[in-house]
N, C-alpha and C. Protein backbone atom coordinates (compact mmCIF):
# COMPACT_ATOMS: atom_id res chain seq x y z
N MET A 1 -98.75 67.48 57.87
CA MET A 1 -97.56 67.10 57.16
C MET A 1 -97.94 66.11 56.07
N LYS A 2 -97.28 66.16 54.98
CA LYS A 2 -97.56 65.25 53.87
C LYS A 2 -97.21 63.82 54.26
N SER A 3 -97.99 62.89 53.74
CA SER A 3 -97.70 61.49 54.05
C SER A 3 -96.46 61.00 53.30
N GLY A 4 -96.14 61.64 52.20
CA GLY A 4 -94.98 61.23 51.42
C GLY A 4 -93.71 61.98 51.77
N ALA A 5 -93.70 62.66 52.92
CA ALA A 5 -92.52 63.43 53.31
C ALA A 5 -91.35 62.50 53.59
N LYS A 6 -90.18 62.94 53.13
CA LYS A 6 -88.97 62.13 53.29
C LYS A 6 -88.31 62.47 54.62
N HIS A 7 -87.99 61.45 55.42
CA HIS A 7 -87.34 61.64 56.71
C HIS A 7 -86.00 60.94 56.70
N GLU A 8 -85.06 61.55 57.40
CA GLU A 8 -83.76 60.92 57.57
C GLU A 8 -83.88 59.84 58.64
N PRO A 9 -83.09 58.78 58.53
CA PRO A 9 -83.14 57.76 59.58
C PRO A 9 -82.65 58.31 60.92
N ALA A 10 -83.26 57.83 61.99
CA ALA A 10 -82.90 58.31 63.33
C ALA A 10 -81.45 57.99 63.68
N LEU A 11 -80.93 56.89 63.14
CA LEU A 11 -79.55 56.51 63.43
C LEU A 11 -78.57 57.58 62.95
N LEU A 12 -78.90 58.24 61.84
CA LEU A 12 -78.04 59.31 61.32
C LEU A 12 -77.91 60.45 62.33
N TYR A 13 -79.02 60.82 62.94
CA TYR A 13 -78.98 61.90 63.93
C TYR A 13 -78.29 61.47 65.22
N VAL A 14 -78.46 60.24 65.61
CA VAL A 14 -77.77 59.73 66.80
C VAL A 14 -76.27 59.72 66.56
N MET A 15 -75.86 59.28 65.38
CA MET A 15 -74.43 59.26 65.04
C MET A 15 -73.86 60.68 64.98
N ALA A 16 -74.64 61.61 64.42
CA ALA A 16 -74.19 63.00 64.37
C ALA A 16 -74.02 63.56 65.77
N TRP A 17 -74.96 63.24 66.66
CA TRP A 17 -74.85 63.70 68.04
C TRP A 17 -73.62 63.12 68.72
N LEU A 18 -73.36 61.83 68.49
CA LEU A 18 -72.18 61.20 69.09
C LEU A 18 -70.89 61.83 68.57
N VAL A 19 -70.84 62.13 67.28
CA VAL A 19 -69.65 62.78 66.71
C VAL A 19 -69.48 64.18 67.30
N LEU A 20 -70.59 64.91 67.46
CA LEU A 20 -70.50 66.25 68.06
C LEU A 20 -70.00 66.19 69.50
N VAL A 21 -70.48 65.22 70.26
CA VAL A 21 -70.02 65.05 71.64
C VAL A 21 -68.54 64.66 71.66
N LEU A 22 -68.14 63.77 70.76
CA LEU A 22 -66.74 63.36 70.67
C LEU A 22 -65.85 64.55 70.32
N LEU A 23 -66.27 65.36 69.35
CA LEU A 23 -65.48 66.53 68.98
C LEU A 23 -65.42 67.56 70.11
N THR A 24 -66.47 67.65 70.90
CA THR A 24 -66.43 68.53 72.07
C THR A 24 -65.40 68.02 73.08
N GLY A 25 -65.34 66.72 73.27
CA GLY A 25 -64.33 66.13 74.15
C GLY A 25 -62.92 66.35 73.62
N VAL A 26 -62.74 66.21 72.32
CA VAL A 26 -61.43 66.46 71.71
C VAL A 26 -61.04 67.92 71.88
N SER A 27 -62.00 68.81 71.74
CA SER A 27 -61.74 70.23 71.93
C SER A 27 -61.29 70.51 73.37
N LEU A 28 -61.95 69.90 74.32
CA LEU A 28 -61.56 70.06 75.72
C LEU A 28 -60.17 69.48 75.97
N TRP A 29 -59.89 68.33 75.39
CA TRP A 29 -58.60 67.67 75.55
C TRP A 29 -57.47 68.53 74.97
N THR A 30 -57.69 69.11 73.79
CA THR A 30 -56.65 69.93 73.17
C THR A 30 -56.40 71.22 73.94
N ALA A 31 -57.36 71.65 74.74
CA ALA A 31 -57.16 72.86 75.55
C ALA A 31 -56.07 72.64 76.59
N PHE A 32 -55.87 71.40 77.01
CA PHE A 32 -54.87 71.09 78.04
C PHE A 32 -53.57 70.54 77.46
N LEU A 33 -53.45 70.45 76.14
CA LEU A 33 -52.24 69.89 75.53
C LEU A 33 -51.07 70.86 75.53
N GLY A 34 -51.33 72.14 75.57
CA GLY A 34 -50.25 73.11 75.50
C GLY A 34 -49.69 73.21 74.09
N LEU A 35 -50.56 73.43 73.12
CA LEU A 35 -50.14 73.50 71.73
C LEU A 35 -49.53 74.85 71.36
N GLY A 36 -49.56 75.79 72.28
CA GLY A 36 -48.96 77.09 72.02
C GLY A 36 -49.74 77.88 70.99
N MET A 37 -49.01 78.40 70.02
CA MET A 37 -49.66 79.24 69.02
C MET A 37 -50.52 78.45 68.03
N TYR A 38 -50.42 77.13 68.04
CA TYR A 38 -51.23 76.31 67.14
C TYR A 38 -52.59 75.95 67.73
N ALA A 39 -52.79 76.25 69.01
CA ALA A 39 -54.05 75.91 69.67
C ALA A 39 -55.26 76.55 69.01
N PRO A 40 -55.23 77.86 68.67
CA PRO A 40 -56.41 78.43 68.01
C PRO A 40 -56.71 77.79 66.66
N VAL A 41 -55.68 77.41 65.93
CA VAL A 41 -55.89 76.78 64.62
C VAL A 41 -56.61 75.44 64.79
N VAL A 42 -56.15 74.65 65.75
CA VAL A 42 -56.77 73.34 66.01
C VAL A 42 -58.19 73.52 66.51
N GLU A 43 -58.39 74.46 67.43
CA GLU A 43 -59.73 74.68 67.99
C GLU A 43 -60.70 75.19 66.93
N PHE A 44 -60.25 76.09 66.07
CA PHE A 44 -61.13 76.57 64.99
C PHE A 44 -61.44 75.46 64.00
N GLY A 45 -60.48 74.58 63.76
CA GLY A 45 -60.73 73.44 62.88
C GLY A 45 -61.79 72.51 63.44
N ILE A 46 -61.71 72.26 64.74
CA ILE A 46 -62.71 71.41 65.39
C ILE A 46 -64.08 72.10 65.36
N ALA A 47 -64.10 73.39 65.65
CA ALA A 47 -65.36 74.13 65.63
C ALA A 47 -65.96 74.18 64.23
N ALA A 48 -65.13 74.32 63.21
CA ALA A 48 -65.63 74.34 61.83
C ALA A 48 -66.22 72.99 61.44
N THR A 49 -65.59 71.91 61.90
CA THR A 49 -66.13 70.58 61.64
C THR A 49 -67.48 70.39 62.31
N GLN A 50 -67.60 70.85 63.55
CA GLN A 50 -68.88 70.76 64.24
C GLN A 50 -69.94 71.60 63.53
N ALA A 51 -69.57 72.79 63.11
CA ALA A 51 -70.53 73.65 62.40
C ALA A 51 -70.97 73.01 61.09
N ALA A 52 -70.04 72.37 60.38
CA ALA A 52 -70.40 71.72 59.11
C ALA A 52 -71.39 70.59 59.34
N ILE A 53 -71.19 69.82 60.40
CA ILE A 53 -72.13 68.73 60.72
C ILE A 53 -73.51 69.30 61.01
N ILE A 54 -73.56 70.36 61.78
CA ILE A 54 -74.84 70.97 62.12
C ILE A 54 -75.50 71.57 60.88
N PHE A 55 -74.72 72.25 60.04
CA PHE A 55 -75.27 72.84 58.82
C PHE A 55 -75.87 71.78 57.92
N ILE A 56 -75.10 70.74 57.65
CA ILE A 56 -75.52 69.75 56.66
C ILE A 56 -76.68 68.90 57.15
N LEU A 57 -76.62 68.44 58.38
CA LEU A 57 -77.65 67.53 58.86
C LEU A 57 -78.86 68.24 59.44
N PHE A 58 -78.63 69.14 60.38
CA PHE A 58 -79.75 69.71 61.11
C PHE A 58 -80.41 70.88 60.38
N MET A 59 -79.67 71.55 59.50
CA MET A 59 -80.28 72.61 58.71
C MET A 59 -80.73 72.10 57.35
N ARG A 60 -80.57 70.81 57.13
CA ARG A 60 -81.00 70.14 55.90
C ARG A 60 -80.42 70.78 54.64
N LEU A 61 -79.11 71.02 54.66
CA LEU A 61 -78.44 71.58 53.49
C LEU A 61 -77.98 70.50 52.53
N LYS A 62 -78.21 69.25 52.89
CA LYS A 62 -77.84 68.15 52.01
C LYS A 62 -78.80 68.15 50.83
N GLY A 63 -78.29 68.00 49.64
CA GLY A 63 -79.16 67.95 48.47
C GLY A 63 -78.78 69.00 47.45
N PRO A 64 -79.67 69.25 46.49
CA PRO A 64 -79.35 70.19 45.42
C PRO A 64 -79.26 71.63 45.95
N PRO A 65 -78.46 72.45 45.28
CA PRO A 65 -78.32 73.85 45.71
C PRO A 65 -79.66 74.58 45.60
N SER A 66 -79.90 75.45 46.55
CA SER A 66 -81.12 76.23 46.55
C SER A 66 -80.85 77.53 47.30
N LEU A 67 -81.93 78.24 47.59
CA LEU A 67 -81.79 79.52 48.28
C LEU A 67 -81.22 79.35 49.69
N LYS A 68 -81.49 78.21 50.31
CA LYS A 68 -80.95 77.99 51.66
C LYS A 68 -79.43 77.90 51.65
N TRP A 69 -78.84 77.42 50.55
CA TRP A 69 -77.38 77.41 50.43
C TRP A 69 -76.84 78.83 50.37
N LEU A 70 -77.57 79.72 49.72
CA LEU A 70 -77.14 81.12 49.64
C LEU A 70 -77.10 81.74 51.04
N PHE A 71 -78.14 81.50 51.82
CA PHE A 71 -78.17 82.06 53.17
C PHE A 71 -77.14 81.41 54.08
N ALA A 72 -76.95 80.12 53.95
CA ALA A 72 -75.93 79.44 54.76
C ALA A 72 -74.54 79.94 54.38
N GLY A 73 -74.29 80.13 53.10
CA GLY A 73 -73.00 80.65 52.65
C GLY A 73 -72.75 82.07 53.11
N SER A 74 -73.79 82.90 53.08
CA SER A 74 -73.61 84.28 53.54
C SER A 74 -73.36 84.31 55.05
N GLY A 75 -73.99 83.42 55.79
CA GLY A 75 -73.72 83.33 57.23
C GLY A 75 -72.29 82.89 57.49
N PHE A 76 -71.80 81.94 56.68
CA PHE A 76 -70.42 81.48 56.83
C PHE A 76 -69.44 82.59 56.49
N LEU A 77 -69.72 83.38 55.45
CA LEU A 77 -68.85 84.50 55.11
C LEU A 77 -68.85 85.55 56.23
N TRP A 78 -69.99 85.78 56.83
CA TRP A 78 -70.06 86.71 57.96
C TRP A 78 -69.22 86.20 59.13
N LEU A 79 -69.27 84.90 59.37
CA LEU A 79 -68.46 84.31 60.43
C LEU A 79 -66.97 84.49 60.13
N LEU A 80 -66.57 84.27 58.89
CA LEU A 80 -65.16 84.49 58.51
C LEU A 80 -64.76 85.95 58.70
N PHE A 81 -65.66 86.85 58.39
CA PHE A 81 -65.40 88.28 58.58
C PHE A 81 -65.17 88.58 60.06
N LEU A 82 -66.00 88.03 60.93
CA LEU A 82 -65.83 88.26 62.36
C LEU A 82 -64.54 87.63 62.89
N TYR A 83 -64.21 86.43 62.40
CA TYR A 83 -62.93 85.82 62.79
C TYR A 83 -61.77 86.69 62.32
N GLY A 84 -61.87 87.23 61.12
CA GLY A 84 -60.82 88.10 60.60
C GLY A 84 -60.63 89.35 61.44
N LEU A 85 -61.73 89.95 61.85
CA LEU A 85 -61.63 91.13 62.72
C LEU A 85 -61.01 90.77 64.07
N SER A 86 -61.41 89.64 64.62
CA SER A 86 -60.83 89.22 65.90
C SER A 86 -59.34 88.94 65.76
N THR A 87 -58.95 88.30 64.67
CA THR A 87 -57.54 88.00 64.44
C THR A 87 -56.74 89.28 64.26
N THR A 88 -57.29 90.26 63.55
CA THR A 88 -56.61 91.53 63.37
C THR A 88 -56.42 92.24 64.70
N ASP A 89 -57.46 92.22 65.54
CA ASP A 89 -57.34 92.83 66.87
C ASP A 89 -56.27 92.13 67.69
N TYR A 90 -56.28 90.82 67.66
CA TYR A 90 -55.30 90.04 68.44
C TYR A 90 -53.88 90.28 67.93
N ALA A 91 -53.71 90.36 66.61
CA ALA A 91 -52.37 90.50 66.02
C ALA A 91 -51.78 91.89 66.25
N THR A 92 -52.61 92.90 66.45
CA THR A 92 -52.09 94.26 66.60
C THR A 92 -51.89 94.68 68.04
N ARG A 93 -52.12 93.80 68.98
CA ARG A 93 -51.89 94.13 70.40
C ARG A 93 -50.40 94.14 70.69
N GLN A 94 -49.98 95.05 71.55
CA GLN A 94 -48.56 95.20 71.84
C GLN A 94 -48.04 94.18 72.83
N GLY A 95 -48.82 93.80 73.79
CA GLY A 95 -48.36 92.85 74.80
C GLY A 95 -49.51 91.99 75.27
N TRP A 96 -49.18 91.03 76.09
CA TRP A 96 -50.21 90.15 76.64
C TRP A 96 -51.00 90.90 77.70
N PRO A 97 -52.30 90.72 77.73
CA PRO A 97 -53.07 91.38 78.79
C PRO A 97 -52.73 90.77 80.16
N SER A 98 -52.70 91.61 81.17
CA SER A 98 -52.33 91.10 82.50
C SER A 98 -53.54 90.81 83.35
């Protein structure tokens, strides 16, 4: 490894881990709130926030745009596509599964 390699401070990763654990706890807490039809929206929002933290810090997407942003963006678009297909399947069901 180069001696001049730039490293992020360890405190940043510890804080990111704490935020991820906190968001996991919030996700668990909201599962028992009984939000009804708004529960998936809240849960997906929490999951998107967690994914953004992981993308930016652990995949080192912070900084100038490069080819890694293209791949991260295409992965995010694929994820949206899969969510869209799941939502379409859920919306077209006639009744609740028993």
